[in-house]
Amino acid sequence: MQESSSLQFKPSTLPSGKTLWCDISTSKIRPYIPEEFRMQMFQQIHGFCHPGVKSTIKQMTEKFIWPEMKKQIGEWAKTCMRCQKCKVNRHTKSKFGVYQIPDGRFSVVHIDLIGPLPPSEGMEYCLTCIDRYSSWIEAVPLPAITAEIVGKAFYNNWICRFGVPAQIITDQGRQFESQLLRCLAAICGAKVSHTTPYHPQCNGKIERQHRTLKSAIKAHNNIRWTESLPTVLLGLRAAIRSDTNHSIAQMMYGTNIKLPGEFFDPPTIKMDQETFVSQLQKYMEKLKPVPSNRSTSTKKYLCIKISDPALMFL
């Protein structure tokens, strides 16, 4: 690797005083990982939310470096037992519906309810809130799913952080929606705009995110799912998405979030707060979500060896 003209190695010192050789040929400092620690680093990154093969490879190659790492990481991700047990691989991919992209973040939010789940710390349900523009996701454990409880949870965990959305989309029924909006109006002191009717044909992207969330929680194999939920959300927000080639955190903050196991921060340019805000606004204006009908192939895939498998999960 030292003979490769595309890589530039130099020693970097950790806060503990130990030295690591790192590649500095890109904008990120990538430490060289010795062979005995490679599986441990893979399990650390992949274990947050058990993302797919491509996303895992992308995350790992952006943070670390070692010979033939893409091939090795791909094999590890494909043979992850938790992924094999908890994920459903669909050979026929349904076509995405077409929906209008919002003008900005937090204007359109999808909310849904998951459950009942195994009781964990008194919680049996989970409220999910997903911003359509950035795909930012929040998941809030709930003891029950009355309109009052859901409304307070949505206000405390979404509105107080991101403001009041222009539209709320849910599939929980018109009576529940009406009660929820009345509850939000009482909490906010202002009327929240009407709830947009739910259309399954144009909501595939959101449903896929719900499946990913459920699979990731299940992959942690922890009956106290409320303990695993924050870690799962951290992994989902940091994972590189195939449709945008960015993470949810990048669409949200303009930069990715640092995960446990990352040793170094990328080089930064010192600037005053006013300049930083101005440049961040310009950067965020350039970020646009990819329309769902363009981001995913609808090809059918069937493994040619499926008729004669060596091993099979039942």
C-alpha atoms as a PDB file:
ATOM      1  CA  MET A   1       0.000   0.000   0.000  1.00  0.00           C
ATOM      2  CA  GLN A   2       2.899   2.353   0.675  1.00  0.00           C
ATOM      3  CA  GLU A   3       3.930   2.019  -2.975  1.00  0.00           C
ATOM      4  CA  SER A   4       0.509   3.182  -4.193  1.00  0.00           C
ATOM      5  CA  SER A   5       0.783   6.644  -5.707  1.00  0.00           C
ATOM      6  CA  SER A   6      -2.793   7.510  -4.726  1.00  0.00           C
ATOM      7  CA  LEU A   7      -2.202   7.116  -0.990  1.00  0.00           C
ATOM      8  CA  GLN A   8      -0.291   9.413   1.322  1.00  0.00           C
ATOM      9  CA  PHE A   9       0.643   8.000   4.715  1.00  0.00           C
ATOM     10  CA  LYS A  10       1.894   9.900   7.713  1.00  0.00           C
ATOM     11  CA  PRO A  11       1.977   9.158  11.458  1.00  0.00           C
ATOM     12  CA  SER A  12      -0.772  10.758  13.552  1.00  0.00           C
ATOM     13  CA  THR A  13      -0.821  10.896  17.336  1.00  0.00           C
ATOM     14  CA  LEU A  14      -3.879   9.969  19.397  1.00  0.00           C
ATOM     15  CA  PRO A  15      -4.811  11.851  22.602  1.00  0.00           C
ATOM     16  CA  SER A  16      -3.492   8.811  24.506  1.00  0.00           C
ATOM     17  CA  GLY A  17      -0.050   9.408  23.026  1.00  0.00           C
ATOM     18  CA  LYS A  18      -0.076   6.368  20.739  1.00  0.00           C
ATOM     19  CA  THR A  19       0.742   6.775  17.050  1.00  0.00           C
ATOM     20  CA  LEU A  20      -1.254   5.500  14.071  1.00  0.00           C
ATOM     21  CA  TRP A  21      -0.274   5.571  10.422  1.00  0.00           C
ATOM     22  CA  CYS A  22      -3.015   7.304   8.458  1.00  0.00           C
ATOM     23  CA  ASP A  23      -3.851   8.000   4.835  1.00  0.00           C
ATOM     24  CA  ILE A  24      -4.267  11.740   4.249  1.00  0.00           C
ATOM     25  CA  SER A  25      -4.829  11.631   0.466  1.00  0.00           C
ATOM     26  CA  THR A  26      -8.509  12.543   0.900  1.00  0.00           C
ATOM     27  CA  SER A  27     -10.274  15.195   2.953  1.00  0.00           C
ATOM     28  CA  LYS A  28     -10.625  12.646   5.766  1.00  0.00           C
ATOM     29  CA  ILE A  29      -7.875  11.137   7.902  1.00  0.00           C
ATOM     30  CA  ARG A  30      -8.140   7.358   7.500  1.00  0.00           C
ATOM     31  CA  PRO A  31      -6.107   5.258   9.966  1.00  0.00           C
ATOM     32  CA  TYR A  32      -4.562   2.000   8.792  1.00  0.00           C
ATOM     33  CA  ILE A  33      -6.201  -0.840  10.735  1.00  0.00           C
ATOM     34  CA  PRO A  34      -3.998  -3.842  11.637  1.00  0.00           C
ATOM     35  CA  GLU A  35      -5.401  -7.237  10.694  1.00  0.00           C
ATOM     36  CA  GLU A  36      -6.268  -8.302  14.246  1.00  0.00           C
ATOM     37  CA  PHE A  37      -8.579  -5.293  14.711  1.00  0.00           C
ATOM     38  CA  ARG A  38     -10.378  -5.266  11.339  1.00  0.00           C
ATOM     39  CA  MET A  39     -13.287  -7.503  12.294  1.00  0.00           C
ATOM     40  CA  GLN A  40     -13.769  -5.518  15.483  1.00  0.00           C
ATOM     41  CA  MET A  41     -13.992  -2.248  13.519  1.00  0.00           C
ATOM     42  CA  PHE A  42     -16.448  -3.839  11.077  1.00  0.00           C
ATOM     43  CA  GLN A  43     -18.668  -5.063  13.899  1.00  0.00           C
ATOM     44  CA  GLN A  44     -18.550  -1.613  15.501  1.00  0.00           C
ATOM     45  CA  ILE A  45     -19.747   0.250  12.385  1.00  0.00           C
ATOM     46  CA  HIS A  46     -22.051  -2.411  10.948  1.00  0.00           C
ATOM     47  CA  GLY A  47     -23.565  -3.211  14.327  1.00  0.00           C
ATOM     48  CA  PHE A  48     -25.300   0.138  14.824  1.00  0.00           C
ATOM     49  CA  CYS A  49     -28.187  -0.587  12.455  1.00  0.00           C
ATOM     50  CA  HIS A  50     -26.943  -3.460  10.252  1.00  0.00           C
ATOM     51  CA  PRO A  51     -27.046  -1.524   6.944  1.00  0.00           C
ATOM     52  CA  GLY A  52     -26.700  -3.182   3.549  1.00  0.00           C
ATOM     53  CA  VAL A  53     -23.464  -4.274   1.902  1.00  0.00           C
ATOM     54  CA  LYS A  54     -22.933  -1.132  -0.181  1.00  0.00           C
ATOM     55  CA  SER A  55     -23.682   1.235   2.685  1.00  0.00           C
ATOM     56  CA  THR A  56     -21.355  -0.657   5.034  1.00  0.00           C
ATOM     57  CA  ILE A  57     -18.521  -0.612   2.494  1.00  0.00           C
ATOM     58  CA  LYS A  58     -19.031   3.101   1.886  1.00  0.00           C
ATOM     59  CA  GLN A  59     -18.943   3.942   5.588  1.00  0.00           C
ATOM     60  CA  MET A  60     -15.904   1.785   6.309  1.00  0.00           C
ATOM     61  CA  THR A  61     -13.821   2.994   3.354  1.00  0.00           C
ATOM     62  CA  GLU A  62     -14.484   6.612   4.309  1.00  0.00           C
ATOM     63  CA  LYS A  63     -13.202   6.050   7.853  1.00  0.00           C
ATOM     64  CA  PHE A  64     -10.449   3.404   7.647  1.00  0.00           C
ATOM     65  CA  ILE A  65      -8.040   1.752   5.242  1.00  0.00           C
ATOM     66  CA  TRP A  66      -6.361  -1.627   4.741  1.00  0.00           C
ATOM     67  CA  PRO A  67      -5.564  -3.865   1.722  1.00  0.00           C
ATOM     68  CA  GLU A  68      -8.547  -5.373  -0.151  1.00  0.00           C
ATOM     69  CA  MET A  69     -10.932  -3.958   2.422  1.00  0.00           C
ATOM     70  CA  LYS A  70     -13.921  -3.638   0.067  1.00  0.00           C
ATOM     71  CA  LYS A  71     -13.889  -7.345  -0.734  1.00  0.00           C
ATOM     72  CA  GLN A  72     -13.415  -8.340   2.891  1.00  0.00           C
ATOM     73  CA  ILE A  73     -16.107  -6.011   4.232  1.00  0.00           C
ATOM     74  CA  GLY A  74     -18.525  -7.144   1.535  1.00  0.00           C
ATOM     75  CA  GLU A  75     -18.052 -10.778   2.538  1.00  0.00           C
ATOM     76  CA  TRP A  76     -18.520  -9.983   6.217  1.00  0.00           C
ATOM     77  CA  ALA A  77     -21.680  -7.971   5.552  1.00  0.00           C
ATOM     78  CA  LYS A  78     -23.159 -10.699   3.337  1.00  0.00           C
ATOM     79  CA  THR A  79     -22.542 -13.357   5.976  1.00  0.00           C
ATOM     80  CA  CYS A  80     -23.730 -11.357   9.008  1.00  0.00           C
ATOM     81  CA  MET A  81     -25.946 -13.801  10.898  1.00  0.00           C
ATOM     82  CA  ARG A  82     -28.143 -11.107  12.448  1.00  0.00           C
ATOM     83  CA  CYS A  83     -28.834  -9.652   8.990  1.00  0.00           C
ATOM     84  CA  GLN A  84     -29.626 -13.103   7.594  1.00  0.00           C
ATOM     85  CA  LYS A  85     -32.117 -13.796  10.384  1.00  0.00           C
ATOM     86  CA  CYS A  86     -33.800 -10.408  10.613  1.00  0.00           C
ATOM     87  CA  LYS A  87     -33.923  -9.007   7.085  1.00  0.00           C
ATOM     88  CA  VAL A  88     -36.361 -10.037   4.374  1.00  0.00           C
ATOM     89  CA  ASN A  89     -34.796  -9.959   0.907  1.00  0.00           C
ATOM     90  CA  ARG A  90     -37.445  -9.308  -1.724  1.00  0.00           C
ATOM     91  CA  HIS A  91     -36.531 -10.488  -5.199  1.00  0.00           C
ATOM     92  CA  THR A  92     -39.295  -8.478  -6.860  1.00  0.00           C
ATOM     93  CA  LYS A  93     -38.943  -4.780  -6.159  1.00  0.00           C
ATOM     94  CA  SER A  94     -42.084  -2.695  -6.346  1.00  0.00           C
ATOM     95  CA  LYS A  95     -41.880   0.507  -8.327  1.00  0.00           C
ATOM     96  CA  PHE A  96     -41.717   3.737  -6.380  1.00  0.00           C
ATOM     97  CA  GLY A  97     -44.616   6.107  -6.724  1.00  0.00           C
ATOM     98  CA  VAL A  98     -44.019   9.688  -7.794  1.00  0.00           C
ATOM     99  CA  TYR A  99     -44.475  12.451  -5.237  1.00  0.00           C
ATOM    100  CA  GLN A 100     -43.692  16.128  -5.190  1.00  0.00           C
ATOM    101  CA  ILE A 101     -40.476  16.986  -3.377  1.00  0.00           C
ATOM    102  CA  PRO A 102     -40.999  19.571  -0.612  1.00  0.00           C
ATOM    103  CA  ASP A 103     -39.290  22.936  -0.947  1.00  0.00           C
ATOM    104  CA  GLY A 104     -37.291  22.464   2.228  1.00  0.00           C
ATOM    105  CA  ARG A 105     -36.745  20.507   5.403  1.00  0.00           C
ATOM    106  CA  PHE A 106     -39.480  19.961   7.987  1.00  0.00           C
ATOM    107  CA  SER A 107     -42.382  21.171   5.822  1.00  0.00           C
ATOM    108  CA  VAL A 108     -43.813  17.670   5.263  1.00  0.00           C
ATOM    109  CA  VAL A 109     -43.532  14.998   7.946  1.00  0.00           C
ATOM    110  CA  HIS A 110     -44.795  11.427   7.948  1.00  0.00           C
ATOM    111  CA  ILE A 111     -45.871   9.940  11.258  1.00  0.00           C
ATOM    112  CA  ASP A 112     -46.692   6.319  11.919  1.00  0.00           C
ATOM    113  CA  LEU A 113     -47.125   3.948  14.834  1.00  0.00           C
ATOM    114  CA  ILE A 114     -45.295   0.662  15.330  1.00  0.00           C
ATOM    115  CA  GLY A 115     -46.577  -1.980  17.697  1.00  0.00           C
ATOM    116  CA  PRO A 116     -47.592  -3.580  19.877  1.00  0.00           C
ATOM    117  CA  LEU A 117     -44.000  -4.561  20.686  1.00  0.00           C
ATOM    118  CA  PRO A 118     -42.711  -6.656  23.606  1.00  0.00           C
ATOM    119  CA  PRO A 119     -43.049  -4.541  26.770  1.00  0.00           C
ATOM    120  CA  SER A 120     -39.822  -2.666  27.498  1.00  0.00           C
ATOM    121  CA  GLU A 121     -39.546  -0.173  30.348  1.00  0.00           C
ATOM    122  CA  GLY A 122     -43.322   0.218  30.254  1.00  0.00           C
ATOM    123  CA  MET A 123     -43.368   0.963  26.510  1.00  0.00           C
ATOM    124  CA  GLU A 124     -45.208  -1.152  23.937  1.00  0.00           C
ATOM    125  CA  TYR A 125     -45.455   1.167  20.928  1.00  0.00           C
ATOM    126  CA  CYS A 126     -43.220   3.476  18.956  1.00  0.00           C
ATOM    127  CA  LEU A 127     -44.060   6.741  17.194  1.00  0.00           C
ATOM    128  CA  THR A 128     -41.984   7.319  14.053  1.00  0.00           C
ATOM    129  CA  CYS A 129     -41.612  10.764  12.499  1.00  0.00           C
ATOM    130  CA  ILE A 130     -39.842  11.102   9.141  1.00  0.00           C
ATOM    131  CA  ASP A 131     -39.078  14.314   7.293  1.00  0.00           C
ATOM    132  CA  ARG A 132     -39.865  13.759   3.631  1.00  0.00           C
ATOM    133  CA  TYR A 133     -37.155  16.145   2.362  1.00  0.00           C
ATOM    134  CA  SER A 134     -34.127  14.920   4.312  1.00  0.00           C
ATOM    135  CA  SER A 135     -35.462  11.522   5.488  1.00  0.00           C
ATOM    136  CA  TRP A 136     -34.451  12.450   9.043  1.00  0.00           C
ATOM    137  CA  ILE A 137     -36.112  10.000  11.396  1.00  0.00           C
ATOM    138  CA  GLU A 138     -37.188  10.208  15.014  1.00  0.00           C
ATOM    139  CA  ALA A 139     -38.616   7.256  16.922  1.00  0.00           C
ATOM    140  CA  VAL A 140     -40.302   7.771  20.292  1.00  0.00           C
ATOM    141  CA  PRO A 141     -41.329   4.881  22.598  1.00  0.00           C
ATOM    142  CA  LEU A 142     -44.929   5.139  23.836  1.00  0.00           C
ATOM    143  CA  PRO A 143     -46.883   3.319  26.557  1.00  0.00           C
ATOM    144  CA  ALA A 144     -50.135   3.573  24.562  1.00  0.00           C
ATOM    145  CA  ILE A 145     -51.386   5.123  21.327  1.00  0.00           C
ATOM    146  CA  THR A 146     -54.134   7.535  22.277  1.00  0.00           C
ATOM    147  CA  ALA A 147     -54.295  10.793  20.337  1.00  0.00           C
ATOM    148  CA  GLU A 148     -53.268  12.728  23.453  1.00  0.00           C
ATOM    149  CA  ILE A 149     -50.154  10.625  24.092  1.00  0.00           C
ATOM    150  CA  VAL A 150     -49.130  10.687  20.423  1.00  0.00           C
ATOM    151  CA  GLY A 151     -49.778  14.426  20.173  1.00  0.00           C
ATOM    152  CA  LYS A 152     -47.642  15.236  23.214  1.00  0.00           C
ATOM    153  CA  ALA A 153     -44.851  12.953  21.998  1.00  0.00           C
ATOM    154  CA  PHE A 154     -44.907  14.566  18.543  1.00  0.00           C
ATOM    155  CA  TYR A 155     -44.841  18.040  20.059  1.00  0.00           C
ATOM    156  CA  ASN A 156     -42.038  17.296  22.534  1.00  0.00           C
ATOM    157  CA  ASN A 157     -39.804  15.367  20.149  1.00  0.00           C
ATOM    158  CA  TRP A 158     -40.480  17.017  16.781  1.00  0.00           C
ATOM    159  CA  ILE A 159     -42.197  20.397  16.933  1.00  0.00           C
ATOM    160  CA  CYS A 160     -40.020  21.641  19.808  1.00  0.00           C
ATOM    161  CA  ARG A 161     -36.913  20.780  17.781  1.00  0.00           C
ATOM    162  CA  PHE A 162     -37.875  21.392  14.152  1.00  0.00           C
ATOM    163  CA  GLY A 163     -40.930  23.639  14.301  1.00  0.00           C
ATOM    164  CA  VAL A 164     -44.505  23.148  13.130  1.00  0.00           C
ATOM    165  CA  PRO A 165     -44.749  21.287   9.783  1.00  0.00           C
ATOM    166  CA  ALA A 166     -46.937  22.504   6.950  1.00  0.00           C
ATOM    167  CA  GLN A 167     -48.317  18.999   6.387  1.00  0.00           C
ATOM    168  CA  ILE A 168     -48.625  15.857   8.451  1.00  0.00           C
ATOM    169  CA  ILE A 169     -49.146  12.554   6.653  1.00  0.00           C
ATOM    170  CA  THR A 170     -50.433   9.495   8.479  1.00  0.00           C
ATOM    171  CA  ASP A 171     -52.406   6.332   7.742  1.00  0.00           C
ATOM    172  CA  GLN A 172     -53.999   5.916  11.175  1.00  0.00           C
ATOM    173  CA  GLY A 173     -57.559   6.744  10.090  1.00  0.00           C
ATOM    174  CA  ARG A 174     -59.541   9.975   9.816  1.00  0.00           C
ATOM    175  CA  GLN A 175     -60.973   9.835  13.341  1.00  0.00           C
ATOM    176  CA  PHE A 176     -57.521   9.446  14.892  1.00  0.00           C
ATOM    177  CA  GLU A 177     -56.134  12.224  12.658  1.00  0.00           C
ATOM    178  CA  SER A 178     -58.905  14.588  13.731  1.00  0.00           C
ATOM    179  CA  GLN A 179     -58.269  13.880  17.421  1.00  0.00           C
ATOM    180  CA  LEU A 180     -54.514  14.250  16.914  1.00  0.00           C
ATOM    181  CA  LEU A 181     -54.846  17.632  15.193  1.00  0.00           C
ATOM    182  CA  ARG A 182     -57.149  18.918  17.942  1.00  0.00           C
ATOM    183  CA  CYS A 183     -54.606  17.790  20.521  1.00  0.00           C
ATOM    184  CA  LEU A 184     -51.734  19.489  18.659  1.00  0.00           C
ATOM    185  CA  ALA A 185     -53.763  22.676  18.282  1.00  0.00           C
ATOM    186  CA  ALA A 186     -54.378  22.747  22.032  1.00  0.00           C
ATOM    187  CA  ILE A 187     -50.700  22.124  22.795  1.00  0.00           C
ATOM    188  CA  CYS A 188     -49.288  24.588  20.242  1.00  0.00           C
ATOM    189  CA  GLY A 189     -51.877  27.270  20.830  1.00  0.00           C
ATOM    190  CA  ALA A 190     -52.343  27.497  17.086  1.00  0.00           C
ATOM    191  CA  LYS A 191     -54.071  25.509  14.386  1.00  0.00           C
ATOM    192  CA  VAL A 192     -51.955  22.964  12.569  1.00  0.00           C
ATOM    193  CA  SER A 193     -52.779  22.643   8.877  1.00  0.00           C
ATOM    194  CA  HIS A 194     -54.804  19.714   7.658  1.00  0.00           C
ATOM    195  CA  THR A 195     -53.456  16.204   7.494  1.00  0.00           C
ATOM    196  CA  THR A 196     -52.741  15.075   3.947  1.00  0.00           C
ATOM    197  CA  PRO A 197     -54.572  11.864   2.972  1.00  0.00           C
ATOM    198  CA  TYR A 198     -52.434   8.743   2.987  1.00  0.00           C
ATOM    199  CA  HIS A 199     -51.591   7.265  -0.427  1.00  0.00           C
ATOM    200  CA  PRO A 200     -49.853   3.869  -0.273  1.00  0.00           C
ATOM    201  CA  GLN A 201     -48.805   4.138  -3.920  1.00  0.00           C
ATOM    202  CA  CYS A 202     -46.661   7.215  -3.240  1.00  0.00           C
ATOM    203  CA  ASN A 203     -45.499   6.291   0.227  1.00  0.00           C
ATOM    204  CA  GLY A 204     -43.112   3.447  -0.612  1.00  0.00           C
ATOM    205  CA  LYS A 205     -40.028   5.347   0.501  1.00  0.00           C
ATOM    206  CA  ILE A 206     -41.434   5.861   3.990  1.00  0.00           C
ATOM    207  CA  GLU A 207     -42.623   2.270   4.300  1.00  0.00           C
ATOM    208  CA  ARG A 208     -39.134   1.068   3.371  1.00  0.00           C
ATOM    209  CA  GLN A 209     -37.643   3.192   6.121  1.00  0.00           C
ATOM    210  CA  HIS A 210     -40.064   1.656   8.603  1.00  0.00           C
ATOM    211  CA  ARG A 211     -39.004  -1.838   7.509  1.00  0.00           C
ATOM    212  CA  THR A 212     -35.354  -0.867   7.879  1.00  0.00           C
ATOM    213  CA  LEU A 213     -35.988   0.470  11.383  1.00  0.00           C
ATOM    214  CA  LYS A 214     -37.853  -2.660  12.477  1.00  0.00           C
ATOM    215  CA  SER A 215     -35.185  -4.970  11.012  1.00  0.00           C
ATOM    216  CA  ALA A 216     -32.401  -3.033  12.730  1.00  0.00           C
ATOM    217  CA  ILE A 217     -34.149  -3.206  16.119  1.00  0.00           C
ATOM    218  CA  LYS A 218     -34.705  -6.928  15.663  1.00  0.00           C
ATOM    219  CA  ALA A 219     -31.066  -7.457  14.626  1.00  0.00           C
ATOM    220  CA  HIS A 220     -29.886  -6.146  17.997  1.00  0.00           C
ATOM    221  CA  ASN A 221     -31.575  -9.188  19.565  1.00  0.00           C
ATOM    222  CA  ASN A 222     -32.438  -7.270  22.719  1.00  0.00           C
ATOM    223  CA  ILE A 223     -35.897  -7.781  24.200  1.00  0.00           C
ATOM    224  CA  ARG A 224     -35.456  -4.385  25.891  1.00  0.00           C
ATOM    225  CA  TRP A 225     -35.772  -2.666  22.529  1.00  0.00           C
ATOM    226  CA  THR A 226     -35.979   0.787  24.129  1.00  0.00           C
ATOM    227  CA  GLU A 227     -32.304   0.389  25.061  1.00  0.00           C
ATOM    228  CA  SER A 228     -31.296  -0.450  21.473  1.00  0.00           C
ATOM    229  CA  LEU A 229     -33.436   2.217  19.797  1.00  0.00           C
ATOM    230  CA  PRO A 230     -31.047   5.215  20.254  1.00  0.00           C
ATOM    231  CA  THR A 231     -28.130   3.191  18.838  1.00  0.00           C
ATOM    232  CA  VAL A 232     -30.241   2.079  15.875  1.00  0.00           C
ATOM    233  CA  LEU A 233     -31.241   5.678  15.134  1.00  0.00           C
ATOM    234  CA  LEU A 234     -27.590   6.751  15.309  1.00  0.00           C
ATOM    235  CA  GLY A 235     -26.681   4.123  12.733  1.00  0.00           C
ATOM    236  CA  LEU A 236     -29.582   4.969  10.414  1.00  0.00           C
ATOM    237  CA  ARG A 237     -28.709   8.668  10.454  1.00  0.00           C
ATOM    238  CA  ALA A 238     -25.034   8.003   9.703  1.00  0.00           C
ATOM    239  CA  ALA A 239     -25.535   5.323   7.031  1.00  0.00           C
ATOM    240  CA  ILE A 240     -24.829   6.297   3.424  1.00  0.00           C
ATOM    241  CA  ARG A 241     -28.001   6.045   1.344  1.00  0.00           C
ATOM    242  CA  SER A 242     -27.795   4.584  -2.144  1.00  0.00           C
ATOM    243  CA  ASP A 243     -30.331   7.014  -3.645  1.00  0.00           C
ATOM    244  CA  THR A 244     -28.518  10.234  -2.639  1.00  0.00           C
ATOM    245  CA  ASN A 245     -24.981   8.969  -1.877  1.00  0.00           C
ATOM    246  CA  HIS A 246     -25.275  11.005   1.329  1.00  0.00           C
ATOM    247  CA  SER A 247     -26.303  10.167   4.856  1.00  0.00           C
ATOM    248  CA  ILE A 248     -29.448  11.492   6.496  1.00  0.00           C
ATOM    249  CA  ALA A 249     -27.221  13.479   8.855  1.00  0.00           C
ATOM    250  CA  GLN A 250     -25.539  15.200   5.895  1.00  0.00           C
ATOM    251  CA  MET A 251     -28.925  16.197   4.503  1.00  0.00           C
ATOM    252  CA  MET A 252     -29.791  17.524   7.943  1.00  0.00           C
ATOM    253  CA  TYR A 253     -26.628  19.221   9.180  1.00  0.00           C
ATOM    254  CA  GLY A 254     -24.459  19.589   6.073  1.00  0.00           C
ATOM    255  CA  THR A 255     -21.905  17.168   7.528  1.00  0.00           C
ATOM    256  CA  ASN A 256     -21.899  13.635   8.841  1.00  0.00           C
ATOM    257  CA  ILE A 257     -21.937  12.751  12.517  1.00  0.00           C
ATOM    258  CA  LYS A 258     -18.929  11.190  14.218  1.00  0.00           C
ATOM    259  CA  LEU A 259     -19.410   7.591  15.304  1.00  0.00           C
ATOM    260  CA  PRO A 260     -17.728   5.700  18.143  1.00  0.00           C
ATOM    261  CA  GLY A 261     -14.523   4.162  16.795  1.00  0.00           C
ATOM    262  CA  GLU A 262     -13.508   7.153  14.686  1.00  0.00           C
ATOM    263  CA  PHE A 263     -10.119   8.379  15.866  1.00  0.00           C
ATOM    264  CA  PHE A 264      -9.624  11.676  14.090  1.00  0.00           C
ATOM    265  CA  ASP A 265     -11.674  14.670  13.045  1.00  0.00           C
ATOM    266  CA  PRO A 266     -11.300  15.904   9.435  1.00  0.00           C
ATOM    267  CA  PRO A 267      -9.270  19.092   8.989  1.00  0.00           C
ATOM    268  CA  THR A 268     -11.403  22.205   9.436  1.00  0.00           C
ATOM    269  CA  ILE A 269     -10.970  25.828   8.454  1.00  0.00           C
ATOM    270  CA  LYS A 270     -11.347  28.268  11.319  1.00  0.00           C
ATOM    271  CA  MET A 271     -13.987  30.916  10.702  1.00  0.00           C
ATOM    272  CA  ASP A 272     -16.247  33.183  12.693  1.00  0.00           C
ATOM    273  CA  GLN A 273     -19.841  32.192  13.414  1.00  0.00           C
ATOM    274  CA  GLU A 274     -21.389  34.577  10.876  1.00  0.00           C
ATOM    275  CA  THR A 275     -19.221  33.229   8.046  1.00  0.00           C
ATOM    276  CA  PHE A 276     -19.928  29.658   9.117  1.00  0.00           C
ATOM    277  CA  VAL A 277     -23.707  30.197   9.043  1.00  0.00           C
ATOM    278  CA  SER A 278     -23.504  31.878   5.636  1.00  0.00           C
ATOM    279  CA  GLN A 279     -21.462  29.058   4.100  1.00  0.00           C
ATOM    280  CA  LEU A 280     -23.663  26.410   5.691  1.00  0.00           C
ATOM    281  CA  GLN A 281     -26.776  28.016   4.182  1.00  0.00           C
ATOM    282  CA  LYS A 282     -25.181  28.037   0.717  1.00  0.00           C
ATOM    283  CA  TYR A 283     -24.171  24.398   1.088  1.00  0.00           C
ATOM    284  CA  MET A 284     -27.602  23.295   2.284  1.00  0.00           C
ATOM    285  CA  GLU A 285     -29.283  25.093  -0.632  1.00  0.00           C
ATOM    286  CA  LYS A 286     -27.340  22.857  -3.023  1.00  0.00           C
ATOM    287  CA  LEU A 287     -28.543  19.666  -1.354  1.00  0.00           C
ATOM    288  CA  LYS A 288     -31.626  18.234  -3.019  1.00  0.00           C
ATOM    289  CA  PRO A 289     -33.288  14.876  -2.402  1.00  0.00           C
ATOM    290  CA  VAL A 290     -33.478  12.496  -5.339  1.00  0.00           C
ATOM    291  CA  PRO A 291     -37.014  11.838  -6.664  1.00  0.00           C
ATOM    292  CA  SER A 292     -38.059   8.362  -5.623  1.00  0.00           C
ATOM    293  CA  ASN A 293     -39.011   7.229  -9.127  1.00  0.00           C
ATOM    294  CA  ARG A 294     -35.415   7.833 -10.283  1.00  0.00           C
ATOM    295  CA  SER A 295     -33.470   6.539  -7.323  1.00  0.00           C
ATOM    296  CA  THR A 296     -34.279   2.855  -7.349  1.00  0.00           C
ATOM    297  CA  SER A 297     -34.191   0.217 -10.034  1.00  0.00           C
ATOM    298  CA  THR A 298     -37.264  -1.961 -10.484  1.00  0.00           C
ATOM    299  CA  LYS A 299     -35.395  -4.932 -11.925  1.00  0.00           C
ATOM    300  CA  LYS A 300     -36.309  -8.371 -10.704  1.00  0.00           C
ATOM    301  CA  TYR A 301     -33.478 -10.414  -9.220  1.00  0.00           C
ATOM    302  CA  LEU A 302     -33.413 -14.132  -8.575  1.00  0.00           C
ATOM    303  CA  CYS A 303     -30.247 -15.937  -7.491  1.00  0.00           C
ATOM    304  CA  ILE A 304     -29.344 -18.611 -10.063  1.00  0.00           C
ATOM    305  CA  LYS A 305     -28.241 -20.932  -7.250  1.00  0.00           C
ATOM    306  CA  ILE A 306     -31.517 -20.700  -5.335  1.00  0.00           C
ATOM    307  CA  SER A 307     -32.694 -24.076  -6.641  1.00  0.00           C
ATOM    308  CA  ASP A 308     -29.646 -25.850  -5.177  1.00  0.00           C
ATOM    309  CA  PRO A 309     -28.677 -24.060  -1.944  1.00  0.00           C
ATOM    310  CA  ALA A 310     -26.019 -25.374   0.435  1.00  0.00           C
ATOM    311  CA  LEU A 311     -27.724 -23.785   3.443  1.00  0.00           C
ATOM    312  CA  MET A 312     -31.199 -22.402   4.012  1.00  0.00           C
ATOM    313  CA  PHE A 313     -32.913 -20.402   6.774  1.00  0.00           C
ATOM    314  CA  LEU A 314     -36.349 -21.700   7.753  1.00  0.00           C
END
